[in-house]
Amino acid sequence: MAESKESREEQLKILQKIELENLDVLMDICKRHNLRYYLIGGSLIGVLRHQGFIPWDDDIDVGLPRADYNKFVEIAAKEIPEYMDIKTMTSDPNYKCYFTRLINNKKKIYWDHGQYTAKIGIWMDVFPLDGLPNGAFARKLHVFNVNVHKALYKFTQLNYITTNKERPFSERFLIGFARVTHIGKLIDADKALQKLDKTLQKYDYDKQDWAWNFSGCYGKREIVPKIQLGGARTGTFEKRTVSIPENSEDYLTNIYGSWQELPPVEKRVSHAVNFAD
């Protein structure tokens, strides 16, 4: 595996340029087919705090309400440029993420995930946003049910899971338990994934007052009133007018706390990238 010759700064500029191409393709499809989308996560911080990328950030995160997400996945497979791919949970047996990746193959990198290494184009994560029950007890029960099905599926995919200190202790414990007992061998992976998918889509985003990005990395903090993951509002991202949630500030506060403040200088670091060509 060859080492990348570009400096961190040069790598970051390359990644950001290609990520913007990905975003332009997504926005074009959404505009032509009247699909809702929102910049979320760190990309939303970029909109509100920097009017573009967080200066050291190298990715773009987008969420679509489930109905729009399902349509986007179907349409994008037919309409994206020939130099792009779209990866979903059913399109590639080696792709183990529940959410979708829009991949630009103009430049490729080596991606390490668990015990799986791939040569892959520069991707943009596209997340489904799902509805949750309005009642507090029903909401907790639904989240518990989803997490049970998530755990059962993850037990079948242990070779692709990383165990690190950033995971909650409960997750690290379950991963360790599954590796010792080999419980995943008793579970049908396809059926487990189908059950997870069906459970997640049980509550219609447009008929509920609560929503979440199940695939987000912040656990229960991703569960928010739908006004924080919906509505109609725009912002600026790298000179582009983009869609953002109506109550973006409260959403970001739920996820990150004091998101308006810049992190310490030592944490303003981009990821090291190993370009494949």
Protein backbone atom coordinates (compact mmCIF):
# COMPACT_ATOMS: atom_id res chain seq x y z
CA MET A 1 0.00 0.00 0.00
CA ALA A 2 1.72 3.18 -1.19
CA GLU A 3 1.98 6.20 1.04
CA SER A 4 0.22 9.38 -0.05
CA LYS A 5 2.67 12.07 -1.10
CA GLU A 6 0.37 15.05 -0.54
CA SER A 7 0.58 17.11 2.64
CA ARG A 8 -2.34 17.13 5.06
CA GLU A 9 -3.39 20.54 3.73
CA GLU A 10 -3.26 19.35 0.12
CA GLN A 11 -5.18 16.19 1.02
CA LEU A 12 -7.87 18.23 2.70
CA LYS A 13 -8.33 20.49 -0.32
CA ILE A 14 -8.66 17.48 -2.62
CA LEU A 15 -11.20 15.80 -0.36
CA GLN A 16 -13.28 18.95 0.08
CA LYS A 17 -13.38 19.62 -3.66
CA ILE A 18 -14.64 16.11 -4.42
CA GLU A 19 -17.10 16.20 -1.52
CA LEU A 20 -18.59 19.36 -3.00
CA GLU A 21 -19.02 17.57 -6.33
CA ASN A 22 -20.92 14.84 -4.45
CA LEU A 23 -23.11 17.42 -2.74
CA ASP A 24 -23.86 19.14 -6.06
CA VAL A 25 -25.00 15.83 -7.56
CA LEU A 26 -27.25 15.09 -4.58
CA MET A 27 -28.76 18.57 -4.57
CA ASP A 28 -29.44 18.40 -8.31
CA ILE A 29 -31.29 15.10 -7.96
CA CYS A 30 -33.26 16.37 -4.97
CA LYS A 31 -34.21 19.59 -6.78
CA ARG A 32 -35.34 17.85 -9.97
CA HIS A 33 -37.37 15.24 -8.09
CA ASN A 34 -38.68 17.49 -5.29
CA LEU A 35 -36.94 15.55 -2.51
CA ARG A 36 -36.22 17.03 0.90
CA TYR A 37 -32.70 16.91 2.29
CA TYR A 38 -30.83 18.60 5.15
CA LEU A 39 -27.19 19.14 5.96
CA ILE A 40 -26.71 17.68 9.43
CA GLY A 41 -23.95 16.93 11.95
CA GLY A 42 -20.63 18.65 11.49
CA SER A 43 -21.69 19.91 8.07
CA LEU A 44 -24.50 21.86 9.71
CA ILE A 45 -22.00 23.40 12.13
CA GLY A 46 -20.08 24.38 9.02
CA VAL A 47 -23.14 26.14 7.60
CA LEU A 48 -23.93 28.14 10.73
CA ARG A 49 -20.42 28.83 12.00
CA HIS A 50 -18.28 29.00 8.85
CA GLN A 51 -20.71 29.21 5.89
CA GLY A 52 -18.83 26.21 4.52
CA PHE A 53 -16.66 23.35 5.71
CA ILE A 54 -15.36 23.41 9.23
CA PRO A 55 -11.82 24.41 8.14
CA TRP A 56 -10.25 21.08 9.16
CA ASP A 57 -13.22 18.86 8.23
CA ASP A 58 -13.16 16.55 5.23
CA ASP A 59 -16.69 15.19 4.84
CA ILE A 60 -20.32 16.19 4.28
CA ASP A 61 -23.26 14.60 6.09
CA VAL A 62 -26.78 14.79 4.63
CA GLY A 63 -30.07 13.45 5.99
CA LEU A 64 -33.28 12.82 4.08
CA PRO A 65 -36.71 12.02 5.56
CA ARG A 66 -37.27 8.31 5.02
CA ALA A 67 -39.72 8.60 2.11
CA ASP A 68 -37.39 10.98 0.28
CA TYR A 69 -34.37 8.84 1.19
CA ASN A 70 -35.93 5.72 -0.33
CA LYS A 71 -36.76 7.62 -3.52
CA PHE A 72 -33.28 9.14 -3.67
CA VAL A 73 -31.58 5.75 -3.41
CA GLU A 74 -33.72 4.41 -6.26
CA ILE A 75 -33.29 7.46 -8.50
CA ALA A 76 -29.59 8.03 -7.82
CA ALA A 77 -28.72 4.51 -8.95
CA LYS A 78 -30.00 5.52 -12.40
CA GLU A 79 -29.01 9.17 -12.62
CA ILE A 80 -25.61 9.70 -10.99
CA PRO A 81 -22.66 10.35 -13.35
CA GLU A 82 -20.74 7.34 -14.64
CA TYR A 83 -17.74 8.14 -12.42
CA MET A 84 -19.90 7.72 -9.31
CA ASP A 85 -21.36 4.77 -7.42
CA ILE A 86 -24.01 4.48 -4.76
CA LYS A 87 -23.55 1.92 -1.99
CA THR A 88 -26.45 0.66 0.10
CA MET A 89 -26.95 -2.14 2.56
CA THR A 90 -28.19 -4.40 -0.25
CA SER A 91 -26.03 -3.32 -3.20
CA ASP A 92 -22.68 -4.76 -2.09
CA PRO A 93 -22.03 -7.74 0.24
CA ASN A 94 -18.84 -6.05 1.47
CA TYR A 95 -20.62 -2.83 2.40
CA LYS A 96 -21.79 -3.11 6.00
CA CYS A 97 -23.26 0.33 6.77
CA TYR A 98 -27.02 0.73 7.16
CA PHE A 99 -26.99 4.20 5.60
CA THR A 100 -26.04 5.05 2.00
CA ARG A 101 -22.79 6.34 0.57
CA LEU A 102 -22.57 8.39 -2.61
CA ILE A 103 -19.09 7.62 -3.94
CA ASN A 104 -16.98 9.67 -6.34
CA ASN A 105 -14.34 7.55 -8.08
CA LYS A 106 -12.28 10.39 -9.51
CA LYS A 107 -9.95 9.86 -6.57
CA LYS A 108 -9.65 6.79 -4.37
CA ILE A 109 -8.38 6.11 -0.89
CA TYR A 110 -7.69 3.05 1.25
CA TRP A 111 -10.45 2.65 3.82
CA ASP A 112 -9.86 0.49 6.91
CA HIS A 113 -12.89 -0.65 8.85
CA GLY A 114 -12.53 -3.41 11.42
CA GLN A 115 -10.76 -6.27 9.66
CA TYR A 116 -11.97 -5.06 6.27
CA THR A 117 -9.82 -2.87 3.99
CA ALA A 118 -11.10 -1.46 0.72
CA LYS A 119 -9.93 0.76 -2.08
CA ILE A 120 -12.82 3.17 -2.43
CA GLY A 121 -13.70 6.53 -3.95
CA ILE A 122 -14.39 9.67 -1.92
CA TRP A 123 -17.79 9.26 -0.34
CA MET A 124 -20.55 11.37 1.14
CA ASP A 125 -22.75 9.82 3.82
CA VAL A 126 -26.50 9.99 3.16
CA PHE A 127 -28.68 9.14 6.17
CA PRO A 128 -32.36 8.21 6.45
CA LEU A 129 -34.31 10.26 9.00
CA ASP A 130 -37.07 8.22 10.64
CA GLY A 131 -40.12 9.03 12.68
CA LEU A 132 -40.55 8.05 16.32
CA PRO A 133 -43.71 7.61 18.44
CA ASN A 134 -44.99 10.81 20.02
CA GLY A 135 -45.54 9.26 23.46
CA ALA A 136 -42.48 9.12 25.71
CA PHE A 137 -42.98 5.51 26.80
CA ALA A 138 -43.79 4.27 23.28
CA ARG A 139 -40.74 6.14 22.00
CA LYS A 140 -38.42 4.47 24.52
CA LEU A 141 -39.93 1.07 23.73
CA HIS A 142 -39.43 1.59 20.01
CA VAL A 143 -35.82 2.70 20.44
CA PHE A 144 -35.16 -0.36 22.62
CA ASN A 145 -36.72 -2.62 19.99
CA VAL A 146 -34.62 -1.07 17.22
CA ASN A 147 -31.44 -1.47 19.27
CA VAL A 148 -32.20 -5.15 19.90
CA HIS A 149 -32.46 -5.77 16.16
CA LYS A 150 -29.35 -3.67 15.58
CA ALA A 151 -27.40 -5.79 18.08
CA LEU A 152 -28.60 -9.04 16.50
CA TYR A 153 -27.45 -7.87 13.07
CA LYS A 154 -24.13 -6.58 14.41
CA PHE A 155 -23.48 -9.98 16.00
CA THR A 156 -23.33 -11.37 12.45
CA GLN A 157 -20.83 -8.71 11.31
CA LEU A 158 -18.13 -8.79 13.99
CA ASN A 159 -15.26 -8.80 11.49
CA TYR A 160 -16.35 -5.35 10.32
CA ILE A 161 -16.78 -3.75 13.74
CA THR A 162 -14.12 -1.74 15.48
CA THR A 163 -13.85 -1.85 19.28
CA ASN A 164 -12.57 1.44 20.61
CA LYS A 165 -12.86 3.57 23.70
CA GLU A 166 -15.27 5.94 21.97
CA ARG A 167 -17.97 3.27 22.07
CA PRO A 168 -20.15 3.13 25.19
CA PHE A 169 -19.15 0.41 27.65
CA SER A 170 -22.42 -1.44 26.98
CA GLU A 171 -21.58 -1.75 23.27
CA ARG A 172 -18.01 -2.85 23.92
CA PHE A 173 -19.33 -5.45 26.39
CA LEU A 174 -21.82 -6.86 23.87
CA ILE A 175 -19.17 -6.99 21.14
CA GLY A 176 -16.83 -8.86 23.46
CA PHE A 177 -19.61 -11.21 24.53
CA ALA A 178 -20.50 -11.97 20.90
CA ARG A 179 -16.88 -12.68 19.99
CA VAL A 180 -16.43 -15.09 22.87
CA THR A 181 -19.71 -16.95 22.36
CA HIS A 182 -19.83 -16.79 18.51
CA ILE A 183 -23.54 -16.11 18.83
CA GLY A 184 -23.58 -14.49 15.39
CA LYS A 185 -23.22 -17.90 13.74
CA LEU A 186 -26.71 -18.75 14.99
CA ILE A 187 -28.31 -15.70 13.37
CA ASP A 188 -29.34 -15.26 9.73
CA ALA A 189 -27.72 -11.93 8.75
CA ASP A 190 -30.12 -11.11 5.91
CA LYS A 191 -33.21 -11.75 8.03
CA ALA A 192 -31.77 -9.72 10.90
CA LEU A 193 -31.06 -6.79 8.59
CA GLN A 194 -34.53 -6.97 7.04
CA LYS A 195 -36.12 -6.97 10.49
CA LEU A 196 -34.05 -3.97 11.55
CA ASP A 197 -35.02 -2.10 8.40
CA LYS A 198 -38.72 -2.90 8.82
CA THR A 199 -38.68 -1.84 12.48
CA LEU A 200 -36.96 1.46 11.71
CA GLN A 201 -39.59 2.33 9.12
CA LYS A 202 -42.54 1.49 11.36
CA TYR A 203 -43.35 5.13 12.17
CA ASP A 204 -43.92 7.56 9.31
CA TYR A 205 -41.61 10.57 9.60
CA ASP A 206 -44.33 12.88 8.28
CA LYS A 207 -46.93 11.72 10.80
CA GLN A 208 -44.80 12.00 13.94
CA ASP A 209 -43.53 14.88 16.06
CA TRP A 210 -40.21 13.19 16.84
CA ALA A 211 -37.43 12.01 14.55
CA TRP A 212 -33.93 10.59 14.65
CA ASN A 213 -30.90 9.74 12.62
CA PHE A 214 -30.56 6.12 13.73
CA SER A 215 -27.18 5.77 12.02
CA GLY A 216 -25.71 8.84 13.69
CA CYS A 217 -22.87 8.28 16.13
CA TYR A 218 -24.35 10.14 19.11
CA GLY A 219 -26.86 7.56 20.34
CA LYS A 220 -29.91 8.90 22.15
CA ARG A 221 -28.84 12.50 21.53
CA GLU A 222 -29.91 11.89 17.93
CA ILE A 223 -33.55 11.64 19.12
CA VAL A 224 -35.06 15.12 18.76
CA PRO A 225 -38.34 16.93 18.11
CA LYS A 226 -38.92 16.79 14.36
CA ILE A 227 -38.64 20.55 14.03
CA GLN A 228 -34.93 20.00 14.70
CA LEU A 229 -34.67 17.52 11.80
CA GLY A 230 -37.20 18.98 9.43
CA GLY A 231 -38.98 22.10 8.30
CA ALA A 232 -37.89 24.48 5.57
CA ARG A 233 -34.85 26.71 5.98
CA THR A 234 -31.75 27.50 3.97
CA GLY A 235 -28.16 28.40 4.74
CA THR A 236 -24.87 28.91 2.91
CA PHE A 237 -22.24 26.23 2.41
CA GLU A 238 -19.23 27.05 0.24
CA LYS A 239 -21.23 29.65 -1.74
CA ARG A 240 -24.10 27.20 -2.22
CA THR A 241 -27.61 27.67 -0.88
CA VAL A 242 -28.39 24.47 1.01
CA SER A 243 -31.31 23.08 3.01
CA ILE A 244 -30.95 22.91 6.78
CA PRO A 245 -33.40 21.97 9.56
CA GLU A 246 -35.74 24.70 10.73
CA ASN A 247 -34.44 24.63 14.30
CA SER A 248 -30.82 23.85 13.54
CA GLU A 249 -29.38 25.62 16.58
CA ASP A 250 -31.26 23.46 19.10
CA TYR A 251 -30.43 20.32 17.13
CA LEU A 252 -26.72 21.11 17.26
CA THR A 253 -26.90 21.95 20.96
CA ASN A 254 -28.52 18.56 21.65
CA ILE A 255 -25.78 16.77 19.73
CA TYR A 256 -22.64 18.76 20.51
CA GLY A 257 -23.34 21.11 23.40
CA SER A 258 -21.46 24.38 22.87
CA TRP A 259 -21.08 23.99 19.12
CA GLN A 260 -20.62 27.75 18.57
CA GLU A 261 -17.22 27.64 20.25
CA LEU A 262 -14.14 26.49 18.37
CA PRO A 263 -12.43 23.42 19.85
CA PRO A 264 -8.89 23.68 21.26
CA VAL A 265 -6.22 24.21 18.60
CA GLU A 266 -4.79 20.72 19.12
CA LYS A 267 -8.14 19.20 18.09
CA ARG A 268 -8.43 21.18 14.86
CA VAL A 269 -6.80 18.44 12.85
CA SER A 270 -7.91 16.76 9.63
CA HIS A 271 -7.76 13.01 9.21
CA ALA A 272 -4.72 11.40 7.67
CA VAL A 273 -5.63 10.02 4.26
CA ASN A 274 -3.88 7.35 2.22
CA PHE A 275 -4.71 8.00 -1.42
CA ALA A 276 -4.73 4.92 -3.61
CA ASP A 277 -3.78 6.69 -6.82
